Amino acid sequence: MTHRALELLQLQSPSLILDIGCGSGLSGEILSSVSPADGGPHMWVGMDIAASMLAIALQKEVEGDLLLSDIGQAIPFRPGSFDAAISISAIQWLCSAETSDVNPQRRLSRFFNGLYASLRRGGRAVCQFYPKNEAQRTMISKIAIKAGFGAGILEDDPGTKSAKLYLVLTVGGGEVQGDITSVVKNMDDVDVQDTRRASGFSGKKGEKKGSKAWIIHKKEQMERRGKVVKASSKYSGRSRRRVAF
């Protein structure tokens, strides 16, 4: 699956890659071993919530840097730090709510907003994942689009037990200009679903300037650029009462 993700990233030269949910470093070892003829070797940073898995990676003396972190809380890197990102069998766990105070939509939003900010313009991310159902699949892709990505889902071996889903994400400024359908041009035996069209996404908000929706949208844009913004409240966008003396 890591090899497939690399194929979809289409990297032409050694790159700095974020490995999301890196586990024991299996994907990282593949990134480090890519030959110069295939555009490698790549440098990488891995992040995972499981300290035990990172301990195994340290014992193996993998070449990448490792970070213990919950991707549902943030992607704690400077804007534009990475050329690309991969994630193998990880992001579906953001949809799980073990307690009543866990909100999967907010965790996904923090993840995708942080990922978008951490990638350079023209960068790509490929996330292989196993959605529990169609609702999860749709929720993940819609939140990725809301974060600013050009996004679509590629399915290998559709309709079989070995089917694999890949969420292909692009940051504006690349050759594909946000259209992920060209990523899989001329590939056989794949099924492409452009989730922007499926969700009716147009990229135009149309909110009235100064309205609560407009303010929230602007705050989300600033967060994606790595800015620190004040949290929204019930008073955001509310007209202030004027009193004449």
C-alpha atoms as a PDB file:
ATOM      1  CA  MET A   1       0.000   0.000   0.000  1.00  0.00           C
ATOM      2  CA  THR A   2       2.926   2.337   0.651  1.00  0.00           C
ATOM      3  CA  HIS A   3       4.265   1.643  -2.839  1.00  0.00           C
ATOM      4  CA  ARG A   4       0.824   2.475  -4.257  1.00  0.00           C
ATOM      5  CA  ALA A   5       0.700   5.700  -2.257  1.00  0.00           C
ATOM      6  CA  LEU A   6       4.122   6.672  -3.628  1.00  0.00           C
ATOM      7  CA  GLU A   7       2.907   5.971  -7.140  1.00  0.00           C
ATOM      8  CA  LEU A   8      -0.024   8.328  -6.608  1.00  0.00           C
ATOM      9  CA  LEU A   9       2.215  11.045  -5.117  1.00  0.00           C
ATOM     10  CA  GLN A  10       4.230  11.087  -8.372  1.00  0.00           C
ATOM     11  CA  LEU A  11       7.373  12.485  -6.738  1.00  0.00           C
ATOM     12  CA  GLN A  12      10.141  13.183  -9.231  1.00  0.00           C
ATOM     13  CA  SER A  13      12.972  14.012  -6.827  1.00  0.00           C
ATOM     14  CA  PRO A  14      13.997  13.401  -3.194  1.00  0.00           C
ATOM     15  CA  SER A  15      11.305  14.942  -0.989  1.00  0.00           C
ATOM     16  CA  LEU A  16      10.440  15.539   2.661  1.00  0.00           C
ATOM     17  CA  ILE A  17       7.402  13.414   3.470  1.00  0.00           C
ATOM     18  CA  LEU A  18       5.141  13.333   6.527  1.00  0.00           C
ATOM     19  CA  ASP A  19       4.156   9.770   7.464  1.00  0.00           C
ATOM     20  CA  ILE A  20       0.866  10.025   9.387  1.00  0.00           C
ATOM     21  CA  GLY A  21       0.252   7.110  11.726  1.00  0.00           C
ATOM     22  CA  CYS A  22       3.726   5.758  11.016  1.00  0.00           C
ATOM     23  CA  GLY A  23       3.545   2.910  13.533  1.00  0.00           C
ATOM     24  CA  SER A  24       6.795   0.947  13.682  1.00  0.00           C
ATOM     25  CA  GLY A  25       8.200   2.697  10.619  1.00  0.00           C
ATOM     26  CA  LEU A  26       7.356   0.160   7.908  1.00  0.00           C
ATOM     27  CA  SER A  27       6.294   2.822   5.407  1.00  0.00           C
ATOM     28  CA  GLY A  28       9.256   4.998   6.375  1.00  0.00           C
ATOM     29  CA  GLU A  29      11.692   2.206   5.533  1.00  0.00           C
ATOM     30  CA  ILE A  30      10.186   2.052   2.058  1.00  0.00           C
ATOM     31  CA  LEU A  31      10.483   5.835   1.657  1.00  0.00           C
ATOM     32  CA  SER A  32      14.153   5.702   2.650  1.00  0.00           C
ATOM     33  CA  SER A  33      14.877   2.883   0.201  1.00  0.00           C
ATOM     34  CA  VAL A  34      13.461   4.477  -2.967  1.00  0.00           C
ATOM     35  CA  SER A  35      16.223   4.488  -5.577  1.00  0.00           C
ATOM     36  CA  PRO A  36      17.541   7.685  -7.238  1.00  0.00           C
ATOM     37  CA  ALA A  37      16.189   6.375 -10.542  1.00  0.00           C
ATOM     38  CA  ASP A  38      12.694   6.496  -9.042  1.00  0.00           C
ATOM     39  CA  GLY A  39      13.102   9.958  -7.495  1.00  0.00           C
ATOM     40  CA  GLY A  40      14.444   8.909  -4.080  1.00  0.00           C
ATOM     41  CA  PRO A  41      15.605   8.397  -1.505  1.00  0.00           C
ATOM     42  CA  HIS A  42      13.124  10.445   0.492  1.00  0.00           C
ATOM     43  CA  MET A  43      13.487  11.993   3.929  1.00  0.00           C
ATOM     44  CA  TRP A  44      10.557  11.578   6.275  1.00  0.00           C
ATOM     45  CA  VAL A  45       9.035  12.455   9.612  1.00  0.00           C
ATOM     46  CA  GLY A  46       6.686   9.968  11.239  1.00  0.00           C
ATOM     47  CA  MET A  47       4.001  10.722  13.805  1.00  0.00           C
ATOM     48  CA  ASP A  48       1.909   8.256  15.779  1.00  0.00           C
ATOM     49  CA  ILE A  49      -0.193   8.193  18.942  1.00  0.00           C
ATOM     50  CA  ALA A  50       1.173   4.805  20.090  1.00  0.00           C
ATOM     51  CA  ALA A  51       4.389   5.110  22.096  1.00  0.00           C
ATOM     52  CA  SER A  52       4.907   1.338  21.925  1.00  0.00           C
ATOM     53  CA  MET A  53       4.964   1.397  18.111  1.00  0.00           C
ATOM     54  CA  LEU A  54       7.407   4.298  18.033  1.00  0.00           C
ATOM     55  CA  ALA A  55       9.618   2.396  20.480  1.00  0.00           C
ATOM     56  CA  ILE A  56       9.824  -0.453  17.953  1.00  0.00           C
ATOM     57  CA  ALA A  57      10.760   2.049  15.248  1.00  0.00           C
ATOM     58  CA  LEU A  58      13.547   3.384  17.472  1.00  0.00           C
ATOM     59  CA  GLN A  59      14.835  -0.137  18.109  1.00  0.00           C
ATOM     60  CA  LYS A  60      14.956  -0.689  14.350  1.00  0.00           C
ATOM     61  CA  GLU A  61      16.968   2.556  14.007  1.00  0.00           C
ATOM     62  CA  VAL A  62      14.833   3.888  11.171  1.00  0.00           C
ATOM     63  CA  GLU A  63      16.232   6.845   9.276  1.00  0.00           C
ATOM     64  CA  GLY A  64      13.274   9.179   9.787  1.00  0.00           C
ATOM     65  CA  ASP A  65      12.473  11.449  12.719  1.00  0.00           C
ATOM     66  CA  LEU A  66       9.660  10.343  15.031  1.00  0.00           C
ATOM     67  CA  LEU A  67       6.999  12.298  16.905  1.00  0.00           C
ATOM     68  CA  LEU A  68       4.550  11.060  19.558  1.00  0.00           C
ATOM     69  CA  SER A  69       1.369  12.954  18.757  1.00  0.00           C
ATOM     70  CA  ASP A  70      -2.403  12.641  18.317  1.00  0.00           C
ATOM     71  CA  ILE A  71      -3.242  13.646  14.737  1.00  0.00           C
ATOM     72  CA  GLY A  72      -6.786  14.475  15.846  1.00  0.00           C
ATOM     73  CA  GLN A  73      -5.436  17.318  17.982  1.00  0.00           C
ATOM     74  CA  ALA A  74      -3.105  18.994  15.497  1.00  0.00           C
ATOM     75  CA  ILE A  75      -0.367  18.624  12.907  1.00  0.00           C
ATOM     76  CA  PRO A  76       2.308  20.581  14.836  1.00  0.00           C
ATOM     77  CA  PHE A  77       4.569  21.773  12.040  1.00  0.00           C
ATOM     78  CA  ARG A  78       5.245  25.108  10.397  1.00  0.00           C
ATOM     79  CA  PRO A  79       3.229  25.985   7.284  1.00  0.00           C
ATOM     80  CA  GLY A  80       4.730  24.571   4.099  1.00  0.00           C
ATOM     81  CA  SER A  81       7.113  22.199   5.897  1.00  0.00           C
ATOM     82  CA  PHE A  82       6.483  19.132   3.745  1.00  0.00           C
ATOM     83  CA  ASP A  83       6.502  18.284   0.046  1.00  0.00           C
ATOM     84  CA  ALA A  84       4.043  15.430   0.506  1.00  0.00           C
ATOM     85  CA  ALA A  85       2.318  13.211   3.058  1.00  0.00           C
ATOM     86  CA  ILE A  86       1.188   9.607   3.244  1.00  0.00           C
ATOM     87  CA  SER A  87      -1.025   7.724   5.668  1.00  0.00           C
ATOM     88  CA  ILE A  88      -1.640   3.994   5.641  1.00  0.00           C
ATOM     89  CA  SER A  89      -4.665   2.613   7.515  1.00  0.00           C
ATOM     90  CA  ALA A  90      -4.815   5.431  10.072  1.00  0.00           C
ATOM     91  CA  ILE A  91      -7.292   8.229   9.425  1.00  0.00           C
ATOM     92  CA  GLN A  92     -10.394   6.067   9.882  1.00  0.00           C
ATOM     93  CA  TRP A  93      -9.601   5.986  13.615  1.00  0.00           C
ATOM     94  CA  LEU A  94     -10.392   9.696  13.773  1.00  0.00           C
ATOM     95  CA  CYS A  95     -14.033   8.726  13.217  1.00  0.00           C
ATOM     96  CA  SER A  96     -14.149   6.727  16.452  1.00  0.00           C
ATOM     97  CA  ALA A  97     -15.682   8.285  19.563  1.00  0.00           C
ATOM     98  CA  GLU A  98     -14.687   6.291  22.648  1.00  0.00           C
ATOM     99  CA  THR A  99     -16.316   8.815  24.986  1.00  0.00           C
ATOM    100  CA  SER A 100     -19.256  11.191  24.673  1.00  0.00           C
ATOM    101  CA  ASP A 101     -17.020  14.275  24.681  1.00  0.00           C
ATOM    102  CA  VAL A 102     -15.111  13.162  21.565  1.00  0.00           C
ATOM    103  CA  ASN A 103     -16.347  14.777  18.347  1.00  0.00           C
ATOM    104  CA  PRO A 104     -15.113  12.937  15.206  1.00  0.00           C
ATOM    105  CA  GLN A 105     -15.956  15.861  12.912  1.00  0.00           C
ATOM    106  CA  ARG A 106     -13.856  18.257  14.974  1.00  0.00           C
ATOM    107  CA  ARG A 107     -10.955  15.807  15.126  1.00  0.00           C
ATOM    108  CA  LEU A 108     -11.070  15.323  11.363  1.00  0.00           C
ATOM    109  CA  SER A 109     -11.296  19.081  10.840  1.00  0.00           C
ATOM    110  CA  ARG A 110      -8.256  19.769  13.037  1.00  0.00           C
ATOM    111  CA  PHE A 111      -6.347  17.034  11.227  1.00  0.00           C
ATOM    112  CA  PHE A 112      -7.109  18.164   7.678  1.00  0.00           C
ATOM    113  CA  ASN A 113      -6.665  21.873   8.457  1.00  0.00           C
ATOM    114  CA  GLY A 114      -3.283  21.130  10.008  1.00  0.00           C
ATOM    115  CA  LEU A 115      -2.259  18.852   7.152  1.00  0.00           C
ATOM    116  CA  TYR A 116      -3.231  21.458   4.573  1.00  0.00           C
ATOM    117  CA  ALA A 117      -1.142  24.098   6.330  1.00  0.00           C
ATOM    118  CA  SER A 118       1.882  21.804   6.687  1.00  0.00           C
ATOM    119  CA  LEU A 119       2.104  21.058   2.947  1.00  0.00           C
ATOM    120  CA  ARG A 120       3.778  23.376   0.471  1.00  0.00           C
ATOM    121  CA  ARG A 121       1.824  24.801  -2.454  1.00  0.00           C
ATOM    122  CA  GLY A 122       1.623  22.099  -5.104  1.00  0.00           C
ATOM    123  CA  GLY A 123       2.057  19.360  -2.499  1.00  0.00           C
ATOM    124  CA  ARG A 124       0.038  16.173  -2.332  1.00  0.00           C
ATOM    125  CA  ALA A 125      -1.124  13.720   0.286  1.00  0.00           C
ATOM    126  CA  VAL A 126      -2.371  10.161  -0.160  1.00  0.00           C
ATOM    127  CA  CYS A 127      -4.305   8.541   2.678  1.00  0.00           C
ATOM    128  CA  GLN A 128      -5.201   4.862   2.408  1.00  0.00           C
ATOM    129  CA  PHE A 129      -8.083   4.138   4.766  1.00  0.00           C
ATOM    130  CA  TYR A 130     -10.853   1.688   5.653  1.00  0.00           C
ATOM    131  CA  PRO A 131     -14.142   3.537   6.226  1.00  0.00           C
ATOM    132  CA  LYS A 132     -16.676   1.717   8.363  1.00  0.00           C
ATOM    133  CA  ASN A 133     -19.493   2.645   6.007  1.00  0.00           C
ATOM    134  CA  GLU A 134     -20.494   5.054   3.243  1.00  0.00           C
ATOM    135  CA  ALA A 135     -21.316   7.774   5.778  1.00  0.00           C
ATOM    136  CA  GLN A 136     -17.758   7.718   7.129  1.00  0.00           C
ATOM    137  CA  ARG A 137     -16.333   7.764   3.625  1.00  0.00           C
ATOM    138  CA  THR A 138     -18.398  10.806   2.732  1.00  0.00           C
ATOM    139  CA  MET A 139     -17.675  12.609   6.007  1.00  0.00           C
ATOM    140  CA  ILE A 140     -13.907  12.207   5.609  1.00  0.00           C
ATOM    141  CA  SER A 141     -13.832  13.466   2.020  1.00  0.00           C
ATOM    142  CA  LYS A 142     -16.169  16.413   2.700  1.00  0.00           C
ATOM    143  CA  ILE A 143     -14.084  17.638   5.651  1.00  0.00           C
ATOM    144  CA  ALA A 144     -10.909  17.347   3.573  1.00  0.00           C
ATOM    145  CA  ILE A 145     -12.507  19.480   0.867  1.00  0.00           C
ATOM    146  CA  LYS A 146     -13.669  22.038   3.437  1.00  0.00           C
ATOM    147  CA  ALA A 147     -10.063  22.340   4.625  1.00  0.00           C
ATOM    148  CA  GLY A 148      -9.110  23.530   1.134  1.00  0.00           C
ATOM    149  CA  PHE A 149      -7.872  20.392  -0.602  1.00  0.00           C
ATOM    150  CA  GLY A 150      -8.627  19.278  -4.105  1.00  0.00           C
ATOM    151  CA  ALA A 151      -9.797  15.779  -3.202  1.00  0.00           C
ATOM    152  CA  GLY A 152     -11.068  12.544  -4.605  1.00  0.00           C
ATOM    153  CA  ILE A 153     -11.236   8.870  -3.744  1.00  0.00           C
ATOM    154  CA  LEU A 154      -9.503   6.214  -5.805  1.00  0.00           C
ATOM    155  CA  GLU A 155     -10.558   2.594  -5.309  1.00  0.00           C
ATOM    156  CA  ASP A 156      -8.356  -0.339  -6.295  1.00  0.00           C
ATOM    157  CA  ASP A 157     -10.075  -3.657  -7.050  1.00  0.00           C
ATOM    158  CA  PRO A 158     -13.591  -2.274  -6.445  1.00  0.00           C
ATOM    159  CA  GLY A 159     -16.243  -4.756  -5.446  1.00  0.00           C
ATOM    160  CA  THR A 160     -13.763  -7.343  -4.147  1.00  0.00           C
ATOM    161  CA  LYS A 161     -12.597  -8.347  -0.666  1.00  0.00           C
ATOM    162  CA  SER A 162      -9.185  -6.851  -1.424  1.00  0.00           C
ATOM    163  CA  ALA A 163     -10.581  -3.415  -2.322  1.00  0.00           C
ATOM    164  CA  LYS A 164      -8.440  -0.510  -1.125  1.00  0.00           C
ATOM    165  CA  LEU A 165      -9.511   3.130  -0.848  1.00  0.00           C
ATOM    166  CA  TYR A 166      -7.063   6.006  -1.311  1.00  0.00           C
ATOM    167  CA  LEU A 167      -7.997   9.591  -0.543  1.00  0.00           C
ATOM    168  CA  VAL A 168      -5.869  11.667  -2.930  1.00  0.00           C
ATOM    169  CA  LEU A 169      -5.403  15.271  -1.824  1.00  0.00           C
ATOM    170  CA  THR A 170      -3.804  18.188  -3.658  1.00  0.00           C
ATOM    171  CA  VAL A 171      -2.838  21.662  -2.480  1.00  0.00           C
ATOM    172  CA  GLY A 172      -3.375  24.437  -5.048  1.00  0.00           C
ATOM    173  CA  GLY A 173      -0.432  25.377  -7.208  1.00  0.00           C
ATOM    174  CA  GLY A 174       0.539  21.936  -8.525  1.00  0.00           C
ATOM    175  CA  GLU A 175       0.366  20.642 -12.081  1.00  0.00           C
ATOM    176  CA  VAL A 176      -3.028  19.075 -11.496  1.00  0.00           C
ATOM    177  CA  GLN A 177      -4.439  22.360 -10.153  1.00  0.00           C
ATOM    178  CA  GLY A 178      -6.608  20.596  -7.615  1.00  0.00           C
ATOM    179  CA  ASP A 179      -8.054  18.087 -10.096  1.00  0.00           C
ATOM    180  CA  ILE A 180      -7.127  14.665  -8.701  1.00  0.00           C
ATOM    181  CA  THR A 181      -8.630  12.826 -11.690  1.00  0.00           C
ATOM    182  CA  SER A 182      -5.441  13.458 -13.693  1.00  0.00           C
ATOM    183  CA  VAL A 183      -3.388  11.730 -10.994  1.00  0.00           C
ATOM    184  CA  VAL A 184      -4.702   8.365 -12.191  1.00  0.00           C
ATOM    185  CA  LYS A 185      -4.761   9.144 -15.903  1.00  0.00           C
ATOM    186  CA  ASN A 186      -4.102   6.032 -18.035  1.00  0.00           C
ATOM    187  CA  MET A 187      -4.150   3.712 -14.983  1.00  0.00           C
ATOM    188  CA  ASP A 188      -6.027   0.450 -15.456  1.00  0.00           C
ATOM    189  CA  ASP A 189      -8.353  -1.352 -13.052  1.00  0.00           C
ATOM    190  CA  VAL A 190      -9.145   1.664 -10.888  1.00  0.00           C
ATOM    191  CA  ASP A 191     -12.386   3.423 -10.118  1.00  0.00           C
ATOM    192  CA  VAL A 192     -12.285   7.184  -9.504  1.00  0.00           C
ATOM    193  CA  GLN A 193     -14.885   9.140  -7.571  1.00  0.00           C
ATOM    194  CA  ASP A 194     -14.410  12.908  -7.569  1.00  0.00           C
ATOM    195  CA  THR A 195     -16.049  13.739  -4.245  1.00  0.00           C
ATOM    196  CA  ARG A 196     -16.159  17.460  -4.956  1.00  0.00           C
ATOM    197  CA  ARG A 197     -18.892  16.871  -7.497  1.00  0.00           C
ATOM    198  CA  ALA A 198     -20.590  14.214  -5.390  1.00  0.00           C
ATOM    199  CA  SER A 199     -20.910  16.596  -2.482  1.00  0.00           C
ATOM    200  CA  GLY A 200     -21.975  19.559  -4.589  1.00  0.00           C
ATOM    201  CA  PHE A 201     -18.846  21.463  -3.601  1.00  0.00           C
ATOM    202  CA  SER A 202     -18.386  24.631  -5.655  1.00  0.00           C
ATOM    203  CA  GLY A 203     -15.606  26.400  -3.790  1.00  0.00           C
ATOM    204  CA  LYS A 204     -17.729  29.549  -3.451  1.00  0.00           C
ATOM    205  CA  LYS A 205     -19.209  30.367  -0.089  1.00  0.00           C
ATOM    206  CA  GLY A 206     -21.317  33.361  -0.996  1.00  0.00           C
ATOM    207  CA  GLU A 207     -21.631  34.551   2.585  1.00  0.00           C
ATOM    208  CA  LYS A 208     -22.440  38.178   3.269  1.00  0.00           C
ATOM    209  CA  LYS A 209     -19.363  40.081   4.383  1.00  0.00           C
ATOM    210  CA  GLY A 210     -19.384  40.550   8.134  1.00  0.00           C
ATOM    211  CA  SER A 211     -21.894  37.741   8.759  1.00  0.00           C
ATOM    212  CA  LYS A 212     -21.130  34.957  11.225  1.00  0.00           C
ATOM    213  CA  ALA A 213     -20.643  32.454   8.370  1.00  0.00           C
ATOM    214  CA  TRP A 214     -18.256  34.863   6.613  1.00  0.00           C
ATOM    215  CA  ILE A 215     -16.246  35.415   9.815  1.00  0.00           C
ATOM    216  CA  ILE A 216     -15.970  31.674  10.522  1.00  0.00           C
ATOM    217  CA  HIS A 217     -14.900  31.020   6.926  1.00  0.00           C
ATOM    218  CA  LYS A 218     -12.162  33.659   7.184  1.00  0.00           C
ATOM    219  CA  LYS A 219     -10.960  32.195  10.477  1.00  0.00           C
ATOM    220  CA  GLU A 220     -10.724  28.741   8.882  1.00  0.00           C
ATOM    221  CA  GLN A 221      -8.672  30.206   6.038  1.00  0.00           C
ATOM    222  CA  MET A 222      -6.281  31.813   8.503  1.00  0.00           C
ATOM    223  CA  GLU A 223      -5.946  28.568  10.495  1.00  0.00           C
ATOM    224  CA  ARG A 224      -5.004  26.711   7.294  1.00  0.00           C
ATOM    225  CA  ARG A 225      -2.234  29.266   6.775  1.00  0.00           C
ATOM    226  CA  GLY A 226      -0.882  28.537  10.234  1.00  0.00           C
ATOM    227  CA  LYS A 227      -2.236  31.681  11.887  1.00  0.00           C
ATOM    228  CA  VAL A 228      -3.488  31.748  15.460  1.00  0.00           C
ATOM    229  CA  VAL A 229      -7.076  32.997  15.582  1.00  0.00           C
ATOM    230  CA  LYS A 230      -9.507  33.711  18.383  1.00  0.00           C
ATOM    231  CA  ALA A 231     -12.068  30.973  18.983  1.00  0.00           C
ATOM    232  CA  SER A 232     -15.581  31.610  17.673  1.00  0.00           C
ATOM    233  CA  SER A 233     -18.418  32.103  20.130  1.00  0.00           C
ATOM    234  CA  LYS A 234     -22.132  32.841  20.103  1.00  0.00           C
ATOM    235  CA  TYR A 235     -21.201  36.520  19.833  1.00  0.00           C
ATOM    236  CA  SER A 236     -19.194  36.122  16.604  1.00  0.00           C
ATOM    237  CA  GLY A 237     -20.736  38.231  13.846  1.00  0.00           C
ATOM    238  CA  ARG A 238     -23.441  39.608  16.129  1.00  0.00           C
ATOM    239  CA  SER A 239     -24.356  43.223  15.462  1.00  0.00           C
ATOM    240  CA  ARG A 240     -23.514  45.461  18.385  1.00  0.00           C
ATOM    241  CA  ARG A 241     -26.251  47.663  19.722  1.00  0.00           C
ATOM    242  CA  ARG A 242     -25.527  51.358  19.360  1.00  0.00           C
ATOM    243  CA  VAL A 243     -26.533  53.664  22.132  1.00  0.00           C
ATOM    244  CA  ALA A 244     -26.589  57.438  21.594  1.00  0.00           C
ATOM    245  CA  PHE A 245     -25.874  59.775  24.506  1.00  0.00           C
END
